[in-house]
C-alpha cells in the first residue's frame, strides 16, 4: 500500500527531486507512528482484520495530503522565487526564507481533512459509524470509533505532510544556500 501511495503522491509532485521516495518515506512514517500508537494504546487488536483496513485509510489520506503538500510547496517557491532569493541574499537560511511557503503548503494540504473532521456526523455520515449502527452496535460505540478514526487520519496525514516538507525542502536549494534553478524550470 505504501509503495503505491508513495508513487502516486510522487507523481503529483513530479517536479520535486526524489519526490516518490520522499512521499513514500513520509507516508510510511506517518502511518507507522500512528498505527504504533493505536496498537500500544489497545485501540484496535493487532490482527489483520483491523490493521489492514485502518492502515489503508491512513495511507490513502496521507497519500493525498503528502502529494498536495509537496506540489504546493514547489509551486509557491516557484511563484515567490524573487522573495525567497532576496531573503537568502540578506543572509536568511533556506528554512527562514521559506517559512511562509511551508505554512501555506501545509495549510492548503490539510484544510480538506480538517474541514471534514469538523462536519463529520453533521453533514456526512462516515462508513465506519454507519456500518456499525446498521450492524447493531450502539450509536455511542459507533460514534466513539468514528472519533478515533478521524483523529488517527488527522494524525497520520499531519505527520506525513510535515515530514514531506522537511525532506523535500533541501532539494530546492544548492549547498551554497541558493535556489536550485533546474527544479523550477520545467513544468
Protein backbone atom coordinates (compact mmCIF):
# COMPACT_ATOMS: atom_id res chain seq x y z
CA UNK A 1 0.00 0.00 0.00
CA UNK A 2 2.75 2.44 1.00
CA UNK A 3 4.80 1.85 -2.17
CA UNK A 4 1.85 2.56 -4.46
CA UNK A 5 0.78 5.54 -2.35
CA UNK A 6 4.34 6.95 -2.44
CA UNK A 7 4.49 6.51 -6.19
CA UNK A 8 1.09 8.17 -6.67
CA UNK A 9 1.88 11.11 -4.36
CA UNK A 10 5.30 11.47 -6.00
CA UNK A 11 3.63 11.65 -9.41
CA UNK A 12 1.54 14.58 -8.20
CA UNK A 13 4.75 16.33 -7.15
CA UNK A 14 6.75 15.11 -10.13
CA UNK A 15 8.98 18.20 -10.27
CA UNK A 16 10.22 17.68 -6.72
CA UNK A 17 13.59 15.89 -6.82
CA UNK A 18 13.28 12.38 -5.31
CA UNK A 19 9.56 13.11 -4.88
CA UNK A 20 8.42 9.50 -5.00
CA UNK A 21 10.88 8.31 -2.36
CA UNK A 22 10.21 11.33 -0.14
CA UNK A 23 6.46 10.76 -0.44
CA UNK A 24 6.82 7.05 0.30
CA UNK A 25 9.01 7.63 3.33
CA UNK A 26 6.69 10.36 4.65
CA UNK A 27 3.60 8.20 4.22
CA UNK A 28 5.34 5.23 5.84
CA UNK A 29 6.43 7.31 8.82
CA UNK A 30 3.04 8.95 9.38
CA UNK A 31 1.16 5.69 9.07
CA UNK A 32 3.64 3.66 11.15
CA UNK A 33 3.78 6.06 14.07
CA UNK A 34 0.00 6.44 14.17
CA UNK A 35 -0.56 2.69 13.84
CA UNK A 36 2.03 2.02 16.56
CA UNK A 37 0.18 4.36 18.93
CA UNK A 38 -3.15 2.72 18.15
CA UNK A 39 -1.75 -0.76 18.85
CA UNK A 40 0.16 0.28 22.00
CA UNK A 41 -2.92 2.02 23.41
CA UNK A 42 -5.04 -1.08 22.61
CA UNK A 43 -7.46 0.90 20.47
CA UNK A 44 -7.53 -1.94 17.92
CA UNK A 45 -6.41 -5.53 18.32
CA UNK A 46 -3.26 -6.33 16.38
CA UNK A 47 -4.96 -8.61 13.87
CA UNK A 48 -5.21 -8.32 10.07
CA UNK A 49 -8.98 -7.86 10.39
CA UNK A 50 -8.41 -4.44 11.97
CA UNK A 51 -4.93 -3.42 10.89
CA UNK A 52 -5.38 -3.75 7.11
CA UNK A 53 -8.47 -1.51 6.75
CA UNK A 54 -7.20 1.02 9.30
CA UNK A 55 -3.79 1.19 7.62
CA UNK A 56 -5.49 1.55 4.25
CA UNK A 57 -7.47 4.56 5.43
CA UNK A 58 -4.37 6.20 6.90
CA UNK A 59 -2.21 5.51 3.85
CA UNK A 60 -4.89 6.85 1.48
CA UNK A 61 -5.36 10.10 3.35
CA UNK A 62 -1.61 10.55 3.89
CA UNK A 63 -1.02 9.97 0.17
CA UNK A 64 -3.39 12.75 -0.82
CA UNK A 65 -2.08 15.23 1.72
CA UNK A 66 1.59 14.47 1.02
CA UNK A 67 1.24 14.89 -2.74
CA UNK A 68 -0.59 18.19 -2.36
CA UNK A 69 1.90 19.47 0.23
CA UNK A 70 4.96 18.80 -1.92
CA UNK A 71 3.37 20.15 -5.11
CA UNK A 72 2.10 23.27 -3.37
CA UNK A 73 5.49 23.97 -1.76
CA UNK A 74 7.31 23.68 -5.06
CA UNK A 75 4.72 25.83 -6.86
CA UNK A 76 4.80 28.53 -4.16
CA UNK A 77 8.58 28.61 -4.22
CA UNK A 78 8.50 28.97 -8.00
CA UNK A 79 5.94 31.80 -7.84
CA UNK A 80 7.74 33.58 -4.99
CA UNK A 81 11.25 32.85 -6.21
CA UNK A 82 12.30 36.52 -6.06
CA UNK A 83 11.10 36.86 -2.47
CA UNK A 84 12.99 33.75 -1.36
CA UNK A 85 16.16 34.78 -3.22
CA UNK A 86 16.01 38.23 -1.63
CA UNK A 87 15.75 36.70 1.83
CA UNK A 88 18.68 34.40 1.06
CA UNK A 89 20.74 37.34 -0.25
CA UNK A 90 20.08 39.18 3.00
CA UNK A 91 21.50 36.27 5.00
CA UNK A 92 18.47 34.13 5.75
CA UNK A 93 18.87 30.38 5.86
CA UNK A 94 16.73 28.30 3.47
CA UNK A 95 14.49 27.44 6.41
CA UNK A 96 13.97 31.09 7.31
CA UNK A 97 13.47 32.10 3.68
CA UNK A 98 10.70 29.53 3.12
CA UNK A 99 8.67 29.79 6.33
CA UNK A 100 5.66 31.39 4.64
CA UNK A 101 5.64 28.94 1.72
CA UNK A 102 5.86 25.96 4.09
CA UNK A 103 2.99 27.25 6.23
CA UNK A 104 0.86 27.87 3.17
CA UNK A 105 1.50 24.43 1.68
CA UNK A 106 0.67 22.69 4.97
CA UNK A 107 -2.49 24.72 5.50
CA UNK A 108 -3.75 24.13 1.97
CA UNK A 109 -2.99 20.41 2.06
CA UNK A 110 -4.52 19.77 5.50
CA UNK A 111 -7.59 22.01 5.12
CA UNK A 112 -9.85 19.40 3.46
CA UNK A 113 -9.24 16.72 6.10
CA UNK A 114 -9.68 19.24 8.93
CA UNK A 115 -12.89 20.58 7.39
CA UNK A 116 -14.16 17.02 7.03
CA UNK A 117 -13.39 16.34 10.70
CA UNK A 118 -15.37 19.42 11.74
CA UNK A 119 -18.50 18.29 9.94
CA UNK A 120 -18.40 14.51 10.30
CA UNK A 121 -21.72 13.27 11.64
CA UNK A 122 -23.40 16.59 10.87
CA UNK A 123 -23.10 16.74 7.10
CA UNK A 124 -21.62 13.38 6.16
CA UNK A 125 -22.12 10.04 7.83
CA UNK A 126 -18.86 8.09 7.56
CA UNK A 127 -18.81 4.43 6.62
CA UNK A 128 -17.37 3.09 9.87
CA UNK A 129 -20.01 4.74 12.00
CA UNK A 130 -22.89 3.92 9.67
CA UNK A 131 -21.76 0.31 9.26
CA UNK A 132 -21.57 -0.22 12.99
CA UNK A 133 -25.01 1.24 13.61
CA UNK A 134 -26.52 -0.82 10.78
CA UNK A 135 -24.74 -3.89 12.17
CA UNK A 136 -26.46 -3.50 15.52
CA UNK A 137 -23.84 -1.64 17.59
CA UNK A 138 -24.99 1.11 19.88
CA UNK A 139 -24.76 4.61 18.39
CA UNK A 140 -22.47 5.62 21.26
CA UNK A 141 -19.94 2.90 20.37
CA UNK A 142 -20.15 3.82 16.69
CA UNK A 143 -19.53 7.49 17.42
CA UNK A 144 -16.58 6.68 19.70
CA UNK A 145 -14.99 4.55 16.98
CA UNK A 146 -15.54 7.28 14.41
CA UNK A 147 -13.85 9.84 16.65
CA UNK A 148 -10.84 7.53 16.93
CA UNK A 149 -10.80 7.01 13.15
CA UNK A 150 -10.94 10.74 12.41
CA UNK A 151 -8.18 11.51 14.90
CA UNK A 152 -5.92 8.79 13.50
CA UNK A 153 -6.48 10.07 9.96
CA UNK A 154 -5.64 13.61 11.01
CA UNK A 155 -2.56 12.41 12.92
CA UNK A 156 -1.17 10.29 10.09
CA UNK A 157 -1.87 12.96 7.47
CA UNK A 158 -0.35 15.74 9.55
CA UNK A 159 2.79 13.78 10.34
CA UNK A 160 3.20 12.70 6.70
CA UNK A 161 2.78 16.22 5.32
CA UNK A 162 5.17 17.79 7.84
CA UNK A 163 7.77 15.12 7.17
CA UNK A 164 7.43 15.57 3.40
CA UNK A 165 8.09 19.30 3.71
CA UNK A 166 11.22 18.80 5.77
CA UNK A 167 12.51 16.08 3.46
CA UNK A 168 11.84 17.86 0.17
CA UNK A 169 12.81 21.42 1.13
CA UNK A 170 16.59 20.78 0.94
CA UNK A 171 16.18 19.58 -2.66
CA UNK A 172 15.14 23.10 -3.66
CA UNK A 173 18.49 24.58 -2.59
CA UNK A 174 22.14 24.15 -3.52
CA UNK A 175 24.84 23.52 -0.94
CA UNK A 176 25.60 27.26 -1.13
CA UNK A 177 22.03 28.05 0.02
CA UNK A 178 20.85 29.25 -3.37
CA UNK A 179 17.66 28.14 -5.10
CA UNK A 180 18.29 25.14 -7.35
CA UNK A 181 17.22 26.69 -10.68
CA UNK A 182 16.78 23.36 -12.53
CA UNK A 183 13.96 22.39 -10.13
CA UNK A 184 11.91 25.43 -11.12
CA UNK A 185 12.47 25.45 -14.89
CA UNK A 186 10.30 22.54 -16.05
CA UNK A 187 6.51 22.35 -15.85
